[in-house]
N, C-alpha and C. Protein backbone atom coordinates (compact mmCIF):
# COMPACT_ATOMS: atom_id res chain seq x y z
N UNK A 1 -8.26 -28.21 -15.55
CA UNK A 1 -8.46 -26.77 -15.61
C UNK A 1 -8.68 -26.28 -17.04
N UNK A 2 -8.03 -26.90 -18.01
CA UNK A 2 -8.20 -26.50 -19.40
C UNK A 2 -9.66 -26.63 -19.82
N UNK A 3 -10.32 -27.69 -19.34
CA UNK A 3 -11.72 -27.87 -19.68
C UNK A 3 -12.59 -26.78 -19.08
N UNK A 4 -12.26 -26.38 -17.84
CA UNK A 4 -13.01 -25.30 -17.20
C UNK A 4 -12.88 -24.01 -17.97
N UNK A 5 -11.64 -23.68 -18.34
CA UNK A 5 -11.40 -22.45 -19.08
C UNK A 5 -12.10 -22.47 -20.43
N UNK A 6 -12.05 -23.59 -21.11
CA UNK A 6 -12.69 -23.69 -22.42
C UNK A 6 -14.19 -23.53 -22.31
N UNK A 7 -14.76 -24.09 -21.25
CA UNK A 7 -16.20 -24.03 -21.06
C UNK A 7 -16.67 -22.63 -20.75
N UNK A 8 -15.89 -21.88 -19.95
CA UNK A 8 -16.33 -20.59 -19.47
C UNK A 8 -15.88 -19.42 -20.33
N UNK A 9 -14.92 -19.65 -21.23
CA UNK A 9 -14.37 -18.53 -22.00
C UNK A 9 -15.44 -17.88 -22.87
N UNK A 10 -15.50 -16.54 -22.83
CA UNK A 10 -16.49 -15.81 -23.60
C UNK A 10 -15.94 -15.41 -24.97
N UNK A 11 -16.86 -15.05 -25.86
CA UNK A 11 -16.45 -14.59 -27.17
C UNK A 11 -15.73 -13.25 -27.05
N UNK A 12 -14.85 -13.00 -27.99
CA UNK A 12 -14.09 -11.76 -27.98
C UNK A 12 -15.03 -10.57 -28.17
N UNK A 13 -14.79 -9.51 -27.39
CA UNK A 13 -15.62 -8.31 -27.47
C UNK A 13 -15.33 -7.55 -28.75
N UNK A 14 -16.39 -7.14 -29.43
CA UNK A 14 -16.22 -6.25 -30.58
C UNK A 14 -16.04 -4.83 -30.04
N UNK A 15 -15.43 -3.97 -30.82
CA UNK A 15 -15.21 -2.59 -30.38
C UNK A 15 -16.52 -1.86 -30.17
N UNK A 16 -17.50 -2.13 -31.00
CA UNK A 16 -18.80 -1.46 -30.87
C UNK A 16 -19.50 -1.88 -29.58
N UNK A 17 -19.42 -3.17 -29.24
CA UNK A 17 -20.04 -3.63 -28.00
C UNK A 17 -19.29 -3.09 -26.79
N UNK A 18 -17.97 -3.06 -26.88
CA UNK A 18 -17.17 -2.53 -25.77
C UNK A 18 -17.51 -1.07 -25.52
N UNK A 19 -17.64 -0.28 -26.58
CA UNK A 19 -17.99 1.14 -26.44
C UNK A 19 -19.35 1.29 -25.76
N UNK A 20 -20.30 0.49 -26.17
CA UNK A 20 -21.64 0.56 -25.58
C UNK A 20 -21.59 0.24 -24.09
N UNK A 21 -20.81 -0.76 -23.73
CA UNK A 21 -20.67 -1.14 -22.32
C UNK A 21 -20.02 -0.01 -21.52
N UNK A 22 -18.92 0.53 -22.04
CA UNK A 22 -18.19 1.58 -21.33
C UNK A 22 -19.03 2.85 -21.17
N UNK A 23 -19.83 3.18 -22.17
CA UNK A 23 -20.68 4.36 -22.09
C UNK A 23 -21.75 4.24 -21.02
N UNK A 24 -22.05 3.02 -20.61
CA UNK A 24 -23.11 2.79 -19.62
C UNK A 24 -22.62 2.83 -18.18
N UNK A 25 -21.30 2.82 -17.98
CA UNK A 25 -20.75 2.68 -16.63
C UNK A 25 -20.92 3.95 -15.80
N UNK A 26 -21.51 3.76 -14.61
CA UNK A 26 -21.69 4.86 -13.66
C UNK A 26 -20.93 4.62 -12.35
N UNK A 27 -20.48 3.39 -12.14
CA UNK A 27 -19.80 3.02 -10.91
C UNK A 27 -18.71 2.01 -11.22
N UNK A 28 -17.53 2.21 -10.64
CA UNK A 28 -16.44 1.24 -10.72
C UNK A 28 -16.17 0.73 -9.32
N UNK A 29 -16.27 -0.58 -9.14
CA UNK A 29 -16.02 -1.20 -7.84
C UNK A 29 -14.73 -2.00 -7.92
N UNK A 30 -13.89 -1.83 -6.91
CA UNK A 30 -12.56 -2.43 -6.92
C UNK A 30 -12.35 -3.38 -5.75
N UNK A 31 -11.72 -4.51 -6.03
CA UNK A 31 -11.11 -5.30 -4.99
C UNK A 31 -9.79 -4.59 -4.64
N UNK A 32 -9.14 -4.99 -3.57
CA UNK A 32 -7.89 -4.35 -3.18
C UNK A 32 -6.68 -5.23 -3.51
N UNK A 33 -6.52 -6.33 -2.77
CA UNK A 33 -5.33 -7.18 -2.94
C UNK A 33 -5.36 -7.88 -4.31
N UNK A 34 -4.34 -7.62 -5.10
CA UNK A 34 -4.27 -8.19 -6.44
C UNK A 34 -4.88 -7.30 -7.51
N UNK A 35 -5.50 -6.20 -7.10
CA UNK A 35 -6.09 -5.25 -8.05
C UNK A 35 -5.47 -3.86 -7.84
N UNK A 36 -5.73 -3.28 -6.68
CA UNK A 36 -5.06 -2.02 -6.33
C UNK A 36 -3.64 -2.25 -5.85
N UNK A 37 -3.33 -3.48 -5.46
CA UNK A 37 -1.96 -3.86 -5.09
C UNK A 37 -1.56 -5.07 -5.93
N UNK A 38 -0.30 -5.47 -5.78
CA UNK A 38 0.16 -6.65 -6.53
C UNK A 38 -0.17 -7.95 -5.81
N UNK A 39 -0.92 -7.84 -4.71
CA UNK A 39 -1.31 -9.03 -3.95
C UNK A 39 -0.41 -9.36 -2.79
N UNK A 40 0.73 -8.67 -2.70
CA UNK A 40 1.67 -8.93 -1.60
C UNK A 40 1.18 -8.27 -0.31
N UNK A 41 1.36 -8.95 0.80
CA UNK A 41 1.04 -8.41 2.12
C UNK A 41 2.28 -8.54 2.99
N UNK A 42 2.76 -7.42 3.51
CA UNK A 42 3.94 -7.41 4.36
C UNK A 42 3.51 -7.17 5.80
N UNK A 43 3.91 -8.06 6.69
CA UNK A 43 3.61 -7.94 8.12
C UNK A 43 4.90 -7.80 8.90
N UNK A 44 4.94 -6.82 9.84
CA UNK A 44 6.13 -6.69 10.67
C UNK A 44 5.91 -7.39 12.02
N UNK A 45 6.92 -7.37 12.87
CA UNK A 45 6.85 -8.07 14.15
C UNK A 45 5.84 -7.47 15.12
N UNK A 46 5.43 -6.22 14.87
CA UNK A 46 4.44 -5.57 15.72
C UNK A 46 3.01 -5.78 15.20
N UNK A 47 2.88 -6.55 14.13
CA UNK A 47 1.55 -6.83 13.59
C UNK A 47 1.03 -5.79 12.62
N UNK A 48 1.89 -4.85 12.22
CA UNK A 48 1.48 -3.84 11.24
C UNK A 48 1.45 -4.45 9.85
N UNK A 49 0.47 -4.03 9.07
CA UNK A 49 0.32 -4.53 7.70
C UNK A 49 0.66 -3.44 6.70
N UNK A 50 1.44 -3.80 5.69
CA UNK A 50 1.86 -2.83 4.68
C UNK A 50 1.39 -3.29 3.30
N UNK A 51 0.94 -2.33 2.52
CA UNK A 51 0.55 -2.59 1.13
C UNK A 51 1.18 -1.52 0.25
N UNK A 52 1.46 -1.87 -0.98
CA UNK A 52 2.04 -0.90 -1.92
C UNK A 52 1.03 -0.62 -3.02
N UNK A 53 0.71 0.66 -3.20
CA UNK A 53 -0.25 1.08 -4.21
C UNK A 53 0.46 1.80 -5.35
N UNK A 54 -0.20 1.84 -6.49
CA UNK A 54 0.36 2.47 -7.69
C UNK A 54 -0.20 3.89 -7.83
N UNK A 55 0.67 4.87 -7.92
CA UNK A 55 0.23 6.26 -7.97
C UNK A 55 -0.59 6.55 -9.23
N UNK A 56 -0.29 5.89 -10.34
CA UNK A 56 -1.05 6.12 -11.56
C UNK A 56 -2.47 5.55 -11.45
N UNK A 57 -2.60 4.42 -10.77
CA UNK A 57 -3.94 3.91 -10.49
C UNK A 57 -4.74 4.94 -9.70
N UNK A 58 -4.08 5.52 -8.71
CA UNK A 58 -4.74 6.52 -7.89
C UNK A 58 -5.19 7.73 -8.68
N UNK A 59 -4.35 8.19 -9.59
CA UNK A 59 -4.72 9.35 -10.41
C UNK A 59 -5.88 8.99 -11.34
N UNK A 60 -5.89 7.76 -11.84
CA UNK A 60 -7.01 7.33 -12.67
C UNK A 60 -8.32 7.37 -11.91
N UNK A 61 -8.30 6.98 -10.64
CA UNK A 61 -9.51 7.02 -9.81
C UNK A 61 -9.96 8.47 -9.61
N UNK A 62 -9.02 9.36 -9.39
CA UNK A 62 -9.38 10.77 -9.24
C UNK A 62 -10.00 11.33 -10.52
N UNK A 63 -9.51 10.88 -11.66
CA UNK A 63 -10.09 11.33 -12.93
C UNK A 63 -11.50 10.79 -13.10
N UNK A 64 -11.75 9.58 -12.64
CA UNK A 64 -13.12 9.05 -12.70
C UNK A 64 -14.07 9.94 -11.90
N UNK A 65 -13.61 10.39 -10.73
CA UNK A 65 -14.44 11.28 -9.92
C UNK A 65 -14.78 12.54 -10.71
N UNK A 66 -13.78 13.11 -11.37
CA UNK A 66 -14.01 14.32 -12.17
C UNK A 66 -15.00 14.07 -13.30
N UNK A 67 -15.00 12.84 -13.80
CA UNK A 67 -15.90 12.48 -14.91
C UNK A 67 -17.30 12.14 -14.42
N UNK A 68 -17.52 12.20 -13.10
CA UNK A 68 -18.84 11.92 -12.55
C UNK A 68 -19.12 10.44 -12.34
N UNK A 69 -18.07 9.64 -12.32
CA UNK A 69 -18.22 8.20 -12.13
C UNK A 69 -17.78 7.84 -10.70
N UNK A 70 -18.66 7.19 -9.98
CA UNK A 70 -18.38 6.82 -8.59
C UNK A 70 -17.41 5.64 -8.53
N UNK A 71 -16.69 5.55 -7.42
CA UNK A 71 -15.76 4.44 -7.18
C UNK A 71 -16.00 3.89 -5.79
N UNK A 72 -16.02 2.58 -5.67
CA UNK A 72 -16.20 1.93 -4.38
C UNK A 72 -15.19 0.80 -4.23
N UNK A 73 -15.01 0.34 -3.00
CA UNK A 73 -14.10 -0.77 -2.69
C UNK A 73 -14.88 -1.86 -1.97
N UNK A 74 -14.71 -3.10 -2.41
CA UNK A 74 -15.21 -4.26 -1.70
C UNK A 74 -14.06 -5.24 -1.56
N UNK A 75 -13.65 -5.53 -0.34
CA UNK A 75 -12.50 -6.41 -0.13
C UNK A 75 -12.77 -7.39 1.01
N UNK A 76 -12.17 -8.54 0.91
CA UNK A 76 -12.36 -9.57 1.91
C UNK A 76 -11.54 -9.36 3.18
N UNK A 77 -10.48 -8.57 3.10
CA UNK A 77 -9.63 -8.32 4.26
C UNK A 77 -9.97 -6.98 4.90
N UNK A 78 -9.47 -6.79 6.12
CA UNK A 78 -9.61 -5.52 6.83
C UNK A 78 -8.24 -4.93 7.06
N UNK A 79 -8.09 -3.66 6.73
CA UNK A 79 -6.79 -3.02 6.88
C UNK A 79 -6.98 -1.51 7.03
N UNK A 80 -6.29 -0.92 8.00
CA UNK A 80 -6.36 0.53 8.18
C UNK A 80 -5.76 1.26 7.00
N UNK A 81 -4.76 0.65 6.38
CA UNK A 81 -4.10 1.33 5.26
C UNK A 81 -5.05 1.48 4.07
N UNK A 82 -6.00 0.58 3.94
CA UNK A 82 -7.00 0.70 2.87
C UNK A 82 -7.89 1.92 3.12
N UNK A 83 -8.27 2.13 4.38
CA UNK A 83 -9.07 3.31 4.72
C UNK A 83 -8.30 4.59 4.43
N UNK A 84 -7.01 4.58 4.73
CA UNK A 84 -6.18 5.76 4.47
C UNK A 84 -6.08 6.04 2.98
N UNK A 85 -5.82 4.98 2.20
CA UNK A 85 -5.69 5.17 0.75
C UNK A 85 -7.02 5.61 0.14
N UNK A 86 -8.11 5.03 0.60
CA UNK A 86 -9.43 5.42 0.10
C UNK A 86 -9.72 6.89 0.41
N UNK A 87 -9.33 7.34 1.60
CA UNK A 87 -9.54 8.73 1.97
C UNK A 87 -8.72 9.66 1.07
N UNK A 88 -7.50 9.27 0.77
CA UNK A 88 -6.64 10.07 -0.13
C UNK A 88 -7.28 10.21 -1.51
N UNK A 89 -7.97 9.17 -1.94
CA UNK A 89 -8.52 9.15 -3.30
C UNK A 89 -9.98 9.58 -3.35
N UNK A 90 -10.55 9.94 -2.21
CA UNK A 90 -11.93 10.41 -2.20
C UNK A 90 -12.96 9.31 -2.39
N UNK A 91 -12.60 8.09 -2.02
CA UNK A 91 -13.53 6.96 -2.12
C UNK A 91 -14.31 6.87 -0.82
N UNK A 92 -15.63 7.04 -0.90
CA UNK A 92 -16.46 7.07 0.30
C UNK A 92 -17.05 5.70 0.66
N UNK A 93 -17.27 4.86 -0.33
CA UNK A 93 -17.92 3.57 -0.09
C UNK A 93 -16.85 2.48 0.00
N UNK A 94 -16.53 2.09 1.23
CA UNK A 94 -15.51 1.07 1.48
C UNK A 94 -16.13 -0.05 2.30
N UNK A 95 -16.12 -1.24 1.75
CA UNK A 95 -16.65 -2.42 2.44
C UNK A 95 -15.51 -3.40 2.65
N UNK A 96 -15.08 -3.54 3.90
CA UNK A 96 -13.97 -4.43 4.23
C UNK A 96 -14.47 -5.66 5.00
N UNK A 97 -13.69 -6.71 4.99
CA UNK A 97 -14.06 -7.92 5.70
C UNK A 97 -15.27 -8.61 5.10
N UNK A 98 -15.43 -8.47 3.78
CA UNK A 98 -16.62 -9.01 3.11
C UNK A 98 -16.34 -10.43 2.60
N UNK A 99 -16.84 -11.41 3.31
CA UNK A 99 -16.72 -12.79 2.84
C UNK A 99 -17.80 -13.08 1.79
N UNK A 100 -18.90 -12.36 1.88
CA UNK A 100 -19.96 -12.43 0.87
C UNK A 100 -20.02 -11.07 0.18
N UNK A 101 -19.29 -10.94 -0.91
CA UNK A 101 -19.19 -9.65 -1.58
C UNK A 101 -20.50 -9.24 -2.25
N UNK A 102 -21.34 -10.20 -2.55
CA UNK A 102 -22.62 -9.88 -3.20
C UNK A 102 -23.48 -9.01 -2.29
N UNK A 103 -23.44 -9.27 -1.00
CA UNK A 103 -24.25 -8.47 -0.06
C UNK A 103 -23.84 -7.00 -0.11
N UNK A 104 -22.54 -6.74 -0.06
CA UNK A 104 -22.05 -5.36 -0.14
C UNK A 104 -22.41 -4.74 -1.49
N UNK A 105 -22.29 -5.54 -2.54
CA UNK A 105 -22.61 -5.07 -3.89
C UNK A 105 -24.08 -4.64 -3.98
N UNK A 106 -24.96 -5.43 -3.41
CA UNK A 106 -26.38 -5.11 -3.44
C UNK A 106 -26.68 -3.83 -2.66
N UNK A 107 -25.93 -3.60 -1.59
CA UNK A 107 -26.09 -2.36 -0.84
C UNK A 107 -25.72 -1.15 -1.69
N UNK A 108 -24.65 -1.29 -2.46
CA UNK A 108 -24.22 -0.19 -3.34
C UNK A 108 -25.27 0.08 -4.42
N UNK A 109 -25.79 -0.98 -5.03
CA UNK A 109 -26.82 -0.81 -6.05
C UNK A 109 -28.02 -0.06 -5.50
N UNK A 110 -28.45 -0.46 -4.31
CA UNK A 110 -29.63 0.16 -3.70
C UNK A 110 -29.35 1.62 -3.33
N UNK A 111 -28.16 1.89 -2.79
CA UNK A 111 -27.81 3.23 -2.34
C UNK A 111 -27.83 4.23 -3.49
N UNK A 112 -27.33 3.81 -4.66
CA UNK A 112 -27.22 4.73 -5.79
C UNK A 112 -28.22 4.43 -6.91
N UNK A 113 -29.16 3.54 -6.65
CA UNK A 113 -30.18 3.20 -7.64
C UNK A 113 -29.56 2.78 -8.97
N UNK A 114 -28.63 1.86 -8.91
CA UNK A 114 -27.89 1.41 -10.08
C UNK A 114 -28.40 0.06 -10.57
N UNK A 115 -28.19 -0.19 -11.86
CA UNK A 115 -28.45 -1.49 -12.44
C UNK A 115 -27.12 -2.21 -12.66
N UNK A 116 -27.16 -3.52 -12.76
CA UNK A 116 -25.94 -4.31 -12.95
C UNK A 116 -25.13 -3.80 -14.14
N UNK A 117 -25.82 -3.49 -15.23
CA UNK A 117 -25.12 -3.10 -16.45
C UNK A 117 -24.43 -1.74 -16.34
N UNK A 118 -24.69 -1.01 -15.27
CA UNK A 118 -24.05 0.30 -15.07
C UNK A 118 -22.81 0.21 -14.17
N UNK A 119 -22.41 -1.01 -13.85
CA UNK A 119 -21.30 -1.21 -12.92
C UNK A 119 -20.15 -1.96 -13.59
N UNK A 120 -18.94 -1.49 -13.31
CA UNK A 120 -17.71 -2.20 -13.66
C UNK A 120 -17.12 -2.74 -12.37
N UNK A 121 -16.75 -4.00 -12.38
CA UNK A 121 -16.08 -4.58 -11.22
C UNK A 121 -14.74 -5.16 -11.65
N UNK A 122 -13.70 -4.86 -10.86
CA UNK A 122 -12.37 -5.41 -11.13
C UNK A 122 -11.96 -6.30 -9.95
N UNK A 123 -11.80 -7.58 -10.21
CA UNK A 123 -11.39 -8.54 -9.20
C UNK A 123 -10.34 -9.47 -9.77
N UNK A 124 -9.75 -10.30 -8.90
CA UNK A 124 -8.64 -11.12 -9.38
C UNK A 124 -8.66 -12.57 -8.93
N UNK A 125 -9.66 -12.96 -8.11
CA UNK A 125 -9.63 -14.33 -7.58
C UNK A 125 -11.04 -14.92 -7.54
N UNK A 126 -11.12 -16.18 -7.16
CA UNK A 126 -12.39 -16.91 -7.25
C UNK A 126 -13.49 -16.28 -6.40
N UNK A 127 -13.14 -15.61 -5.30
CA UNK A 127 -14.17 -14.96 -4.48
C UNK A 127 -14.86 -13.83 -5.23
N UNK A 128 -14.26 -13.37 -6.32
CA UNK A 128 -14.83 -12.28 -7.10
C UNK A 128 -15.77 -12.76 -8.21
N UNK A 129 -15.80 -14.04 -8.45
CA UNK A 129 -16.60 -14.58 -9.56
C UNK A 129 -18.08 -14.21 -9.48
N UNK A 130 -18.73 -14.30 -8.31
CA UNK A 130 -20.15 -13.92 -8.26
C UNK A 130 -20.43 -12.50 -8.75
N UNK A 131 -19.53 -11.57 -8.45
CA UNK A 131 -19.72 -10.20 -8.93
C UNK A 131 -19.36 -10.07 -10.41
N UNK A 132 -18.31 -10.75 -10.82
CA UNK A 132 -17.92 -10.72 -12.24
C UNK A 132 -19.05 -11.24 -13.12
N UNK A 133 -19.82 -12.17 -12.62
CA UNK A 133 -20.93 -12.74 -13.37
C UNK A 133 -22.13 -11.80 -13.46
N UNK A 134 -22.20 -10.82 -12.55
CA UNK A 134 -23.38 -9.96 -12.48
C UNK A 134 -23.22 -8.62 -13.20
N UNK A 135 -22.03 -8.03 -13.10
CA UNK A 135 -21.88 -6.64 -13.55
C UNK A 135 -21.87 -6.52 -15.07
N UNK A 136 -22.05 -5.28 -15.53
CA UNK A 136 -22.05 -5.03 -16.96
C UNK A 136 -20.67 -5.14 -17.58
N UNK A 137 -19.64 -4.73 -16.83
CA UNK A 137 -18.27 -4.79 -17.34
C UNK A 137 -17.40 -5.47 -16.30
N UNK A 138 -17.10 -6.73 -16.53
CA UNK A 138 -16.31 -7.54 -15.60
C UNK A 138 -14.86 -7.57 -16.06
N UNK A 139 -13.95 -7.21 -15.16
CA UNK A 139 -12.54 -7.03 -15.52
C UNK A 139 -11.65 -7.77 -14.53
N UNK A 140 -10.58 -8.36 -15.04
CA UNK A 140 -9.54 -8.94 -14.19
C UNK A 140 -8.18 -8.45 -14.68
N UNK A 141 -7.21 -8.29 -13.77
CA UNK A 141 -5.84 -7.97 -14.19
C UNK A 141 -5.22 -9.13 -14.95
N UNK A 142 -4.17 -8.85 -15.68
CA UNK A 142 -3.51 -9.86 -16.51
C UNK A 142 -3.02 -11.05 -15.69
N UNK A 143 -2.60 -10.81 -14.44
CA UNK A 143 -2.05 -11.88 -13.62
C UNK A 143 -3.06 -12.47 -12.65
N UNK A 144 -4.35 -12.31 -12.94
CA UNK A 144 -5.39 -12.86 -12.08
C UNK A 144 -5.42 -14.39 -12.14
N UNK A 145 -6.12 -14.98 -11.18
CA UNK A 145 -6.31 -16.43 -11.16
C UNK A 145 -6.91 -16.89 -12.50
N UNK A 146 -6.37 -17.95 -13.12
CA UNK A 146 -6.83 -18.39 -14.45
C UNK A 146 -8.31 -18.71 -14.54
N UNK A 147 -8.85 -19.39 -13.54
CA UNK A 147 -10.28 -19.70 -13.57
C UNK A 147 -11.11 -18.43 -13.51
N UNK A 148 -10.70 -17.49 -12.67
CA UNK A 148 -11.41 -16.21 -12.56
C UNK A 148 -11.37 -15.45 -13.87
N UNK A 149 -10.25 -15.52 -14.57
CA UNK A 149 -10.14 -14.84 -15.87
C UNK A 149 -11.22 -15.29 -16.85
N UNK A 150 -11.64 -16.53 -16.73
CA UNK A 150 -12.60 -17.06 -17.69
C UNK A 150 -13.99 -16.48 -17.50
N UNK A 151 -14.21 -15.76 -16.39
CA UNK A 151 -15.51 -15.13 -16.14
C UNK A 151 -15.50 -13.64 -16.48
N UNK A 152 -14.40 -13.12 -16.97
CA UNK A 152 -14.28 -11.69 -17.23
C UNK A 152 -14.53 -11.37 -18.70
N UNK A 153 -15.14 -10.23 -18.92
CA UNK A 153 -15.29 -9.73 -20.28
C UNK A 153 -13.98 -9.15 -20.80
N UNK A 154 -13.15 -8.66 -19.88
CA UNK A 154 -11.92 -7.99 -20.31
C UNK A 154 -10.78 -8.33 -19.35
N UNK A 155 -9.62 -8.65 -19.91
CA UNK A 155 -8.41 -8.89 -19.15
C UNK A 155 -7.42 -7.78 -19.48
N UNK A 156 -6.96 -7.07 -18.47
CA UNK A 156 -6.09 -5.92 -18.73
C UNK A 156 -4.72 -6.35 -19.24
N UNK A 157 -4.04 -5.41 -19.86
CA UNK A 157 -2.67 -5.65 -20.32
C UNK A 157 -1.68 -5.56 -19.16
N UNK A 158 -2.08 -4.85 -18.11
CA UNK A 158 -1.21 -4.63 -16.95
C UNK A 158 -1.60 -5.54 -15.79
N UNK A 159 -0.64 -5.83 -14.93
CA UNK A 159 -0.88 -6.64 -13.75
C UNK A 159 -1.56 -5.84 -12.65
N UNK A 160 -2.11 -6.56 -11.68
CA UNK A 160 -2.69 -5.90 -10.52
C UNK A 160 -1.64 -5.11 -9.76
N UNK A 161 -2.00 -3.89 -9.33
CA UNK A 161 -1.05 -3.03 -8.64
C UNK A 161 0.01 -2.44 -9.53
N UNK A 162 -0.11 -2.67 -10.83
CA UNK A 162 0.89 -2.19 -11.80
C UNK A 162 0.22 -1.49 -12.98
N UNK A 163 -0.88 -0.81 -12.70
CA UNK A 163 -1.53 -0.03 -13.75
C UNK A 163 -2.79 -0.64 -14.32
N UNK A 164 -3.24 -1.77 -13.80
CA UNK A 164 -4.47 -2.39 -14.32
C UNK A 164 -5.68 -1.48 -14.11
N UNK A 165 -5.77 -0.88 -12.94
CA UNK A 165 -6.91 0.01 -12.65
C UNK A 165 -6.85 1.25 -13.53
N UNK A 166 -5.67 1.82 -13.69
CA UNK A 166 -5.53 3.02 -14.54
C UNK A 166 -5.92 2.71 -15.98
N UNK A 167 -5.59 1.53 -16.43
CA UNK A 167 -5.94 1.11 -17.79
C UNK A 167 -7.45 1.18 -18.01
N UNK A 168 -8.21 0.71 -17.03
CA UNK A 168 -9.66 0.72 -17.15
C UNK A 168 -10.22 2.13 -17.00
N UNK A 169 -9.64 2.91 -16.09
CA UNK A 169 -10.05 4.31 -15.95
C UNK A 169 -9.90 5.06 -17.26
N UNK A 170 -8.75 4.89 -17.89
CA UNK A 170 -8.49 5.55 -19.17
C UNK A 170 -9.47 5.08 -20.25
N UNK A 171 -9.74 3.80 -20.29
CA UNK A 171 -10.67 3.27 -21.28
C UNK A 171 -12.04 3.91 -21.16
N UNK A 172 -12.53 3.99 -19.93
CA UNK A 172 -13.86 4.57 -19.70
C UNK A 172 -13.87 6.05 -20.08
N UNK A 173 -12.88 6.79 -19.62
CA UNK A 173 -12.85 8.24 -19.83
C UNK A 173 -12.67 8.59 -21.30
N UNK A 174 -11.68 7.98 -21.95
CA UNK A 174 -11.42 8.34 -23.34
C UNK A 174 -12.55 7.88 -24.27
N UNK A 175 -13.17 6.76 -23.96
CA UNK A 175 -14.29 6.30 -24.77
C UNK A 175 -15.47 7.27 -24.66
N UNK A 176 -15.74 7.72 -23.47
CA UNK A 176 -16.91 8.56 -23.24
C UNK A 176 -16.71 10.00 -23.70
N UNK A 177 -15.49 10.50 -23.58
CA UNK A 177 -15.28 11.94 -23.82
C UNK A 177 -14.35 12.23 -24.99
N UNK A 178 -14.08 11.26 -25.83
CA UNK A 178 -13.13 11.50 -26.93
C UNK A 178 -13.63 12.57 -27.90
N UNK A 179 -14.94 12.76 -27.99
CA UNK A 179 -15.49 13.78 -28.89
C UNK A 179 -15.83 15.07 -28.15
N UNK A 180 -15.47 15.15 -26.90
CA UNK A 180 -15.71 16.35 -26.09
C UNK A 180 -14.37 16.81 -25.52
N UNK A 181 -13.60 17.49 -26.35
CA UNK A 181 -12.23 17.84 -26.00
C UNK A 181 -12.15 18.71 -24.75
N UNK A 182 -13.07 19.62 -24.61
CA UNK A 182 -13.03 20.55 -23.46
C UNK A 182 -13.21 19.78 -22.15
N UNK A 183 -14.20 18.89 -22.10
CA UNK A 183 -14.43 18.11 -20.89
C UNK A 183 -13.28 17.15 -20.63
N UNK A 184 -12.76 16.56 -21.70
CA UNK A 184 -11.64 15.63 -21.55
C UNK A 184 -10.43 16.33 -20.95
N UNK A 185 -10.13 17.54 -21.42
CA UNK A 185 -9.00 18.30 -20.88
C UNK A 185 -9.23 18.65 -19.41
N UNK A 186 -10.48 18.96 -19.06
CA UNK A 186 -10.79 19.27 -17.66
C UNK A 186 -10.52 18.05 -16.77
N UNK A 187 -10.95 16.87 -17.24
CA UNK A 187 -10.76 15.64 -16.48
C UNK A 187 -9.27 15.33 -16.34
N UNK A 188 -8.53 15.55 -17.42
CA UNK A 188 -7.09 15.26 -17.42
C UNK A 188 -6.27 16.34 -16.71
N UNK A 189 -6.91 17.47 -16.42
CA UNK A 189 -6.20 18.55 -15.74
C UNK A 189 -5.34 19.37 -16.66
N UNK A 190 -5.73 19.43 -17.94
CA UNK A 190 -4.97 20.20 -18.93
C UNK A 190 -5.70 21.51 -19.20
N UNK A 191 -5.01 22.63 -19.02
CA UNK A 191 -5.60 23.94 -19.26
C UNK A 191 -5.59 24.24 -20.76
N UNK A 192 -6.53 25.06 -21.18
CA UNK A 192 -6.63 25.45 -22.58
C UNK A 192 -5.32 26.09 -23.04
N UNK A 193 -4.80 25.63 -24.19
CA UNK A 193 -3.58 26.18 -24.74
C UNK A 193 -2.31 25.66 -24.12
N UNK A 194 -2.45 24.76 -23.17
CA UNK A 194 -1.27 24.22 -22.47
C UNK A 194 -0.81 22.93 -23.12
N UNK A 195 0.49 22.80 -23.30
CA UNK A 195 1.09 21.57 -23.81
C UNK A 195 1.53 20.73 -22.62
N UNK A 196 0.85 19.60 -22.34
CA UNK A 196 1.19 18.82 -21.14
C UNK A 196 2.58 18.22 -21.17
N UNK A 197 3.21 18.16 -22.35
CA UNK A 197 4.53 17.56 -22.47
C UNK A 197 5.65 18.60 -22.54
N UNK A 198 5.26 19.87 -22.50
CA UNK A 198 6.26 20.93 -22.61
C UNK A 198 7.09 21.00 -21.33
N UNK A 199 8.37 21.37 -21.48
CA UNK A 199 9.24 21.53 -20.33
C UNK A 199 8.83 22.75 -19.53
N UNK A 200 8.92 22.62 -18.21
CA UNK A 200 8.55 23.75 -17.35
C UNK A 200 9.76 24.26 -16.61
């Protein structure tokens, strides 16, 4: 495995290149298990499936919507709870049961007339490698599969289901709007003259 990682590892991103990549992003596509969740799946005796999501990840997705950046889900499993969470977050493009994620990805590109370089994809396992190889900004959580990590441009500081998605949302938003304070405050939900840390 060490040889595989050494062969596939990319050069470290410079800040200028990272900014250029982030400024180009128009769509963020997410895997679910191991990205929006910590990868755990709980099944009860009645066959119900439970997943735990991170509220800060969810708020980051809502901020992306405010910033005019679309969000989609492509996942290999099927779960009603994913549809519910996507509805809560305003995610309209949900592709479940995708054993060939590239097919769903191509549908998204065609639907929104997007180029590869305008897409960020966050995945965590080997099934995500084909998309990580194609998109402009390929991301994996810190605890992703080691081989998969070697195909990513960026590895988050946070684990999947523990703020990895929010980390990328913040990176995109703050990079793009850091010089536009009014728009940034609108996206963050901060009113003019309001101190977000003040006691209420």
